[in-house]
C-alpha atoms as a PDB file:
ATOM      1  CA  UNK A   1     132.263  68.877  62.569  1.00  0.00           C
ATOM      2  CA  UNK A   2     129.322  67.167  62.102  1.00  0.00           C
ATOM      3  CA  UNK A   3     127.126  69.971  63.467  1.00  0.00           C
ATOM      4  CA  UNK A   4     128.273  72.279  61.330  1.00  0.00           C
ATOM      5  CA  UNK A   5     127.535  70.187  58.453  1.00  0.00           C
ATOM      6  CA  UNK A   6     124.237  69.079  59.629  1.00  0.00           C
ATOM      7  CA  UNK A   7     123.325  73.154  59.933  1.00  0.00           C
ATOM      8  CA  UNK A   8     124.608  73.361  56.240  1.00  0.00           C
ATOM      9  CA  UNK A   9     122.432  70.639  55.130  1.00  0.00           C
ATOM     10  CA  UNK A  10     119.401  72.059  57.008  1.00  0.00           C
ATOM     11  CA  UNK A  11     119.971  75.532  56.069  1.00  0.00           C
ATOM     12  CA  UNK A  12     120.245  74.387  52.311  1.00  0.00           C
ATOM     13  CA  UNK A  13     116.877  71.941  52.725  1.00  0.00           C
ATOM     14  CA  UNK A  14     114.869  74.548  54.140  1.00  0.00           C
ATOM     15  CA  UNK A  15     115.909  77.090  51.521  1.00  0.00           C
ATOM     16  CA  UNK A  16     115.084  75.253  48.833  1.00  0.00           C
ATOM     17  CA  UNK A  17     112.158  74.094  50.478  1.00  0.00           C
ATOM     18  CA  UNK A  18     110.856  77.887  51.080  1.00  0.00           C
ATOM     19  CA  UNK A  19     111.659  78.174  47.139  1.00  0.00           C
ATOM     20  CA  UNK A  20     109.458  74.989  46.732  1.00  0.00           C
ATOM     21  CA  UNK A  21     105.960  75.871  48.383  1.00  0.00           C
ATOM     22  CA  UNK A  22     106.276  79.426  46.735  1.00  0.00           C
ATOM     23  CA  UNK A  23     105.726  77.534  43.742  1.00  0.00           C
ATOM     24  CA  UNK A  24     103.712  74.986  44.827  1.00  0.00           C
ATOM     25  CA  UNK A  25     101.151  77.912  46.332  1.00  0.00           C
ATOM     26  CA  UNK A  26     101.193  79.322  42.811  1.00  0.00           C
ATOM     27  CA  UNK A  27     100.522  76.487  41.337  1.00  0.00           C
ATOM     28  CA  UNK A  28      97.297  75.683  43.945  1.00  0.00           C
ATOM     29  CA  UNK A  29      95.962  79.093  43.251  1.00  0.00           C
ATOM     30  CA  UNK A  30      95.945  78.498  39.473  1.00  0.00           C
ATOM     31  CA  UNK A  31      94.189  74.404  40.301  1.00  0.00           C
ATOM     32  CA  UNK A  32      91.302  76.628  42.458  1.00  0.00           C
ATOM     33  CA  UNK A  33      92.874  75.125  45.447  1.00  0.00           C
ATOM     34  CA  UNK A  34      93.439  78.784  47.132  1.00  0.00           C
ATOM     35  CA  UNK A  35      92.963  77.029  51.066  1.00  0.00           C
ATOM     36  CA  UNK A  36      95.914  74.624  49.753  1.00  0.00           C
ATOM     37  CA  UNK A  37      98.025  77.734  48.401  1.00  0.00           C
ATOM     38  CA  UNK A  38      97.852  79.463  51.566  1.00  0.00           C
ATOM     39  CA  UNK A  39      98.819  76.354  53.619  1.00  0.00           C
ATOM     40  CA  UNK A  40     101.999  75.869  51.312  1.00  0.00           C
ATOM     41  CA  UNK A  41     102.711  79.754  52.031  1.00  0.00           C
ATOM     42  CA  UNK A  42     102.337  79.333  55.619  1.00  0.00           C
ATOM     43  CA  UNK A  43     104.797  76.586  55.355  1.00  0.00           C
ATOM     44  CA  UNK A  44     107.091  78.615  52.995  1.00  0.00           C
ATOM     45  CA  UNK A  45     107.155  81.631  55.648  1.00  0.00           C
ATOM     46  CA  UNK A  46     108.060  78.979  58.613  1.00  0.00           C
ATOM     47  CA  UNK A  47     110.584  77.309  56.329  1.00  0.00           C
ATOM     48  CA  UNK A  48     112.383  80.983  55.669  1.00  0.00           C
ATOM     49  CA  UNK A  49     112.045  80.795  59.833  1.00  0.00           C
ATOM     50  CA  UNK A  50     114.231  78.090  60.078  1.00  0.00           C
ATOM     51  CA  UNK A  51     116.468  78.784  57.831  1.00  0.00           C
ATOM     52  CA  UNK A  52     117.375  81.838  58.641  1.00  0.00           C
ATOM     53  CA  UNK A  53     117.733  80.147  62.026  1.00  0.00           C
ATOM     54  CA  UNK A  54     120.156  78.026  60.513  1.00  0.00           C
ATOM     55  CA  UNK A  55     122.291  80.517  59.373  1.00  0.00           C
ATOM     56  CA  UNK A  56     122.872  82.666  62.451  1.00  0.00           C
ATOM     57  CA  UNK A  57     123.966  79.252  64.320  1.00  0.00           C
ATOM     58  CA  UNK A  58     126.045  78.632  61.290  1.00  0.00           C
ATOM     59  CA  UNK A  59     127.365  82.515  61.292  1.00  0.00           C
ATOM     60  CA  UNK A  60     128.005  81.696  65.451  1.00  0.00           C
ATOM     61  CA  UNK A  61     130.187  79.081  64.604  1.00  0.00           C
ATOM     62  CA  UNK A  62     132.072  81.066  62.476  1.00  0.00           C
ATOM     63  CA  UNK A  63     131.215  79.760  58.673  1.00  0.00           C
ATOM     64  CA  UNK A  64     129.041  81.081  56.012  1.00  0.00           C
ATOM     65  CA  UNK A  65     125.732  79.678  55.370  1.00  0.00           C
ATOM     66  CA  UNK A  66     125.336  78.277  51.661  1.00  0.00           C
ATOM     67  CA  UNK A  67     122.677  77.285  49.849  1.00  0.00           C
ATOM     68  CA  UNK A  68     122.163  76.146  46.027  1.00  0.00           C
ATOM     69  CA  UNK A  69     118.743  76.831  45.270  1.00  0.00           C
ATOM     70  CA  UNK A  70     117.456  74.396  42.943  1.00  0.00           C
ATOM     71  CA  UNK A  71     114.610  75.087  40.346  1.00  0.00           C
ATOM     72  CA  UNK A  72     111.480  73.407  41.746  1.00  0.00           C
ATOM     73  CA  UNK A  73     109.291  70.814  39.905  1.00  0.00           C
ATOM     74  CA  UNK A  74     106.262  71.594  40.110  1.00  0.00           C
ATOM     75  CA  UNK A  75     103.459  69.070  39.079  1.00  0.00           C
ATOM     76  CA  UNK A  76      99.562  69.022  40.075  1.00  0.00           C
ATOM     77  CA  UNK A  77      98.362  70.417  43.384  1.00  0.00           C
ATOM     78  CA  UNK A  78      97.810  66.438  44.461  1.00  0.00           C
ATOM     79  CA  UNK A  79     101.037  65.284  43.719  1.00  0.00           C
ATOM     80  CA  UNK A  80     102.744  68.468  44.978  1.00  0.00           C
ATOM     81  CA  UNK A  81     100.867  68.020  48.437  1.00  0.00           C
ATOM     82  CA  UNK A  82     102.463  64.356  48.075  1.00  0.00           C
ATOM     83  CA  UNK A  83     106.138  65.462  47.265  1.00  0.00           C
ATOM     84  CA  UNK A  84     105.678  68.009  50.211  1.00  0.00           C
ATOM     85  CA  UNK A  85     104.724  65.347  52.749  1.00  0.00           C
ATOM     86  CA  UNK A  86     107.435  62.706  51.673  1.00  0.00           C
ATOM     87  CA  UNK A  87     109.703  65.783  52.410  1.00  0.00           C
ATOM     88  CA  UNK A  88     108.289  66.783  55.648  1.00  0.00           C
ATOM     89  CA  UNK A  89     108.139  63.337  56.804  1.00  0.00           C
ATOM     90  CA  UNK A  90     111.810  62.411  56.244  1.00  0.00           C
ATOM     91  CA  UNK A  91     112.693  65.388  57.955  1.00  0.00           C
ATOM     92  CA  UNK A  92     110.106  64.800  61.017  1.00  0.00           C
ATOM     93  CA  UNK A  93     111.483  61.116  61.523  1.00  0.00           C
ATOM     94  CA  UNK A  94     114.710  61.000  60.159  1.00  0.00           C
ATOM     95  CA  UNK A  95     116.959  63.907  59.849  1.00  0.00           C
ATOM     96  CA  UNK A  96     115.863  66.376  62.366  1.00  0.00           C
ATOM     97  CA  UNK A  97     116.394  63.577  65.081  1.00  0.00           C
ATOM     98  CA  UNK A  98     119.832  62.507  63.439  1.00  0.00           C
ATOM     99  CA  UNK A  99     120.933  66.198  63.762  1.00  0.00           C
ATOM    100  CA  UNK A 100     119.739  66.861  67.205  1.00  0.00           C
ATOM    101  CA  UNK A 101     121.440  63.454  68.300  1.00  0.00           C
ATOM    102  CA  UNK A 102     124.916  64.668  66.941  1.00  0.00           C
ATOM    103  CA  UNK A 103     124.081  68.078  67.850  1.00  0.00           C
ATOM    104  CA  UNK A 104     124.138  66.774  71.420  1.00  0.00           C
ATOM    105  CA  UNK A 105     127.350  64.489  71.055  1.00  0.00           C
ATOM    106  CA  UNK A 106     128.824  67.809  70.317  1.00  0.00           C
ATOM    107  CA  UNK A 107     127.249  69.784  73.316  1.00  0.00           C
ATOM    108  CA  UNK A 108     126.099  72.634  70.441  1.00  0.00           C
ATOM    109  CA  UNK A 109     122.900  74.134  72.608  1.00  0.00           C
ATOM    110  CA  UNK A 110     122.124  76.702  69.947  1.00  0.00           C
ATOM    111  CA  UNK A 111     122.417  73.985  66.904  1.00  0.00           C
ATOM    112  CA  UNK A 112     120.084  71.882  69.140  1.00  0.00           C
ATOM    113  CA  UNK A 113     117.751  74.417  70.014  1.00  0.00           C
ATOM    114  CA  UNK A 114     117.119  75.477  65.894  1.00  0.00           C
ATOM    115  CA  UNK A 115     117.059  71.810  65.019  1.00  0.00           C
ATOM    116  CA  UNK A 116     113.998  70.910  67.528  1.00  0.00           C
ATOM    117  CA  UNK A 117     112.320  74.112  66.625  1.00  0.00           C
ATOM    118  CA  UNK A 118     112.334  72.848  62.772  1.00  0.00           C
ATOM    119  CA  UNK A 119     111.581  69.273  63.981  1.00  0.00           C
ATOM    120  CA  UNK A 120     108.160  70.478  65.870  1.00  0.00           C
ATOM    121  CA  UNK A 121     107.322  72.436  62.728  1.00  0.00           C
ATOM    122  CA  UNK A 122     107.887  69.814  60.583  1.00  0.00           C
ATOM    123  CA  UNK A 123     105.611  67.715  62.143  1.00  0.00           C
ATOM    124  CA  UNK A 124     102.860  69.788  62.167  1.00  0.00           C
ATOM    125  CA  UNK A 125     103.402  70.544  58.375  1.00  0.00           C
ATOM    126  CA  UNK A 126     103.464  66.993  57.458  1.00  0.00           C
ATOM    127  CA  UNK A 127     100.202  66.590  59.393  1.00  0.00           C
ATOM    128  CA  UNK A 128      98.295  69.478  58.012  1.00  0.00           C
ATOM    129  CA  UNK A 129      99.935  68.478  54.091  1.00  0.00           C
ATOM    130  CA  UNK A 130      97.888  65.333  54.838  1.00  0.00           C
ATOM    131  CA  UNK A 131      94.895  66.700  55.953  1.00  0.00           C
ATOM    132  CA  UNK A 132      94.612  68.837  52.629  1.00  0.00           C
ATOM    133  CA  UNK A 133      95.903  65.925  50.373  1.00  0.00           C
ATOM    134  CA  UNK A 134      92.951  63.848  52.372  1.00  0.00           C
ATOM    135  CA  UNK A 135      90.554  66.408  51.934  1.00  0.00           C
ATOM    136  CA  UNK A 136      91.276  67.739  48.395  1.00  0.00           C
ATOM    137  CA  UNK A 137      88.052  68.987  47.123  1.00  0.00           C
ATOM    138  CA  UNK A 138      87.112  70.982  50.332  1.00  0.00           C
ATOM    139  CA  UNK A 139      90.258  72.866  50.283  1.00  0.00           C
ATOM    140  CA  UNK A 140      89.062  74.180  46.873  1.00  0.00           C
ATOM    141  CA  UNK A 141      88.397  77.835  46.389  1.00  0.00           C
ATOM    142  CA  UNK A 142      89.183  81.152  48.706  1.00  0.00           C
ATOM    143  CA  UNK A 143      91.746  80.923  51.128  1.00  0.00           C
ATOM    144  CA  UNK A 144      92.239  80.122  54.727  1.00  0.00           C
ATOM    145  CA  UNK A 145      94.591  81.817  57.365  1.00  0.00           C
ATOM    146  CA  UNK A 146      97.300  80.056  59.111  1.00  0.00           C
ATOM    147  CA  UNK A 147      99.824  81.655  61.681  1.00  0.00           C
ATOM    148  CA  UNK A 148     103.107  80.943  61.886  1.00  0.00           C
ATOM    149  CA  UNK A 149     105.359  82.054  64.638  1.00  0.00           C
ATOM    150  CA  UNK A 150     107.979  84.091  63.483  1.00  0.00           C
ATOM    151  CA  UNK A 151     110.426  82.731  66.385  1.00  0.00           C
ATOM    152  CA  UNK A 152     110.595  78.791  65.601  1.00  0.00           C
ATOM    153  CA  UNK A 153     108.233  78.290  62.763  1.00  0.00           C
ATOM    154  CA  UNK A 154     105.285  76.468  64.285  1.00  0.00           C
ATOM    155  CA  UNK A 155     102.184  76.915  61.810  1.00  0.00           C
ATOM    156  CA  UNK A 156      98.831  76.363  62.593  1.00  0.00           C
ATOM    157  CA  UNK A 157      95.145  77.219  61.635  1.00  0.00           C
ATOM    158  CA  UNK A 158      94.278  77.511  64.883  1.00  0.00           C
ATOM    159  CA  UNK A 159      94.549  81.229  66.505  1.00  0.00           C
ATOM    160  CA  UNK A 160      97.167  80.806  69.224  1.00  0.00           C
ATOM    161  CA  UNK A 161      95.421  81.656  73.006  1.00  0.00           C
ATOM    162  CA  UNK A 162      98.823  83.078  74.860  1.00  0.00           C
ATOM    163  CA  UNK A 163     101.657  81.059  73.876  1.00  0.00           C
ATOM    164  CA  UNK A 164     103.732  79.142  71.115  1.00  0.00           C
ATOM    165  CA  UNK A 165     103.095  75.813  72.029  1.00  0.00           C
ATOM    166  CA  UNK A 166     106.856  75.167  70.491  1.00  0.00           C
ATOM    167  CA  UNK A 167     108.898  77.666  71.863  1.00  0.00           C
ATOM    168  CA  UNK A 168     106.746  79.562  74.020  1.00  0.00           C
ATOM    169  CA  UNK A 169     106.874  82.945  72.247  1.00  0.00           C
ATOM    170  CA  UNK A 170     103.911  85.362  72.868  1.00  0.00           C
ATOM    171  CA  UNK A 171     101.269  85.280  70.288  1.00  0.00           C
ATOM    172  CA  UNK A 172     101.981  88.582  69.073  1.00  0.00           C
ATOM    173  CA  UNK A 173     104.981  86.494  67.885  1.00  0.00           C
ATOM    174  CA  UNK A 174     103.267  84.941  65.109  1.00  0.00           C
ATOM    175  CA  UNK A 175     102.282  86.302  61.927  1.00  0.00           C
ATOM    176  CA  UNK A 176      98.955  85.787  59.761  1.00  0.00           C
ATOM    177  CA  UNK A 177      99.546  83.848  56.253  1.00  0.00           C
ATOM    178  CA  UNK A 178      96.768  83.357  53.855  1.00  0.00           C
END
């Protein structure tokens, strides 16, 4: 069953992304890029939401979620942003679209939903990381507030007026990360 394999791959990937982004946040703080560190922490929170969502579907399919967490390779904040952009872009352009197509072929609605939620969040992460990289020196010092939907992982720097643009969860479902 391709969908179960894809869910396991996505669970592993999101679990590793969370670990990587938390390590990148520490480095960004050390380098004086507090606002970039805030973004990495917000994305890590979103990746954890994705991993948990994928794990729930895996369990519903009668399997056990498995992740092999690798020690992240941490470089400069600029290089870490480039790595993050590459990973998020791959998930947005290749991985999740393929997984969604295969889940649709198997008519697995729960998998389609968890993959679609992750896809939307990864697209926004790629955009935010690119913005940070393009304006790196203005992201020095302090912290920046981000809002993460606890249902789908959508991440934004703008407070939500009423509902999540991805999953339609009410604004109370967003948590503040900085």
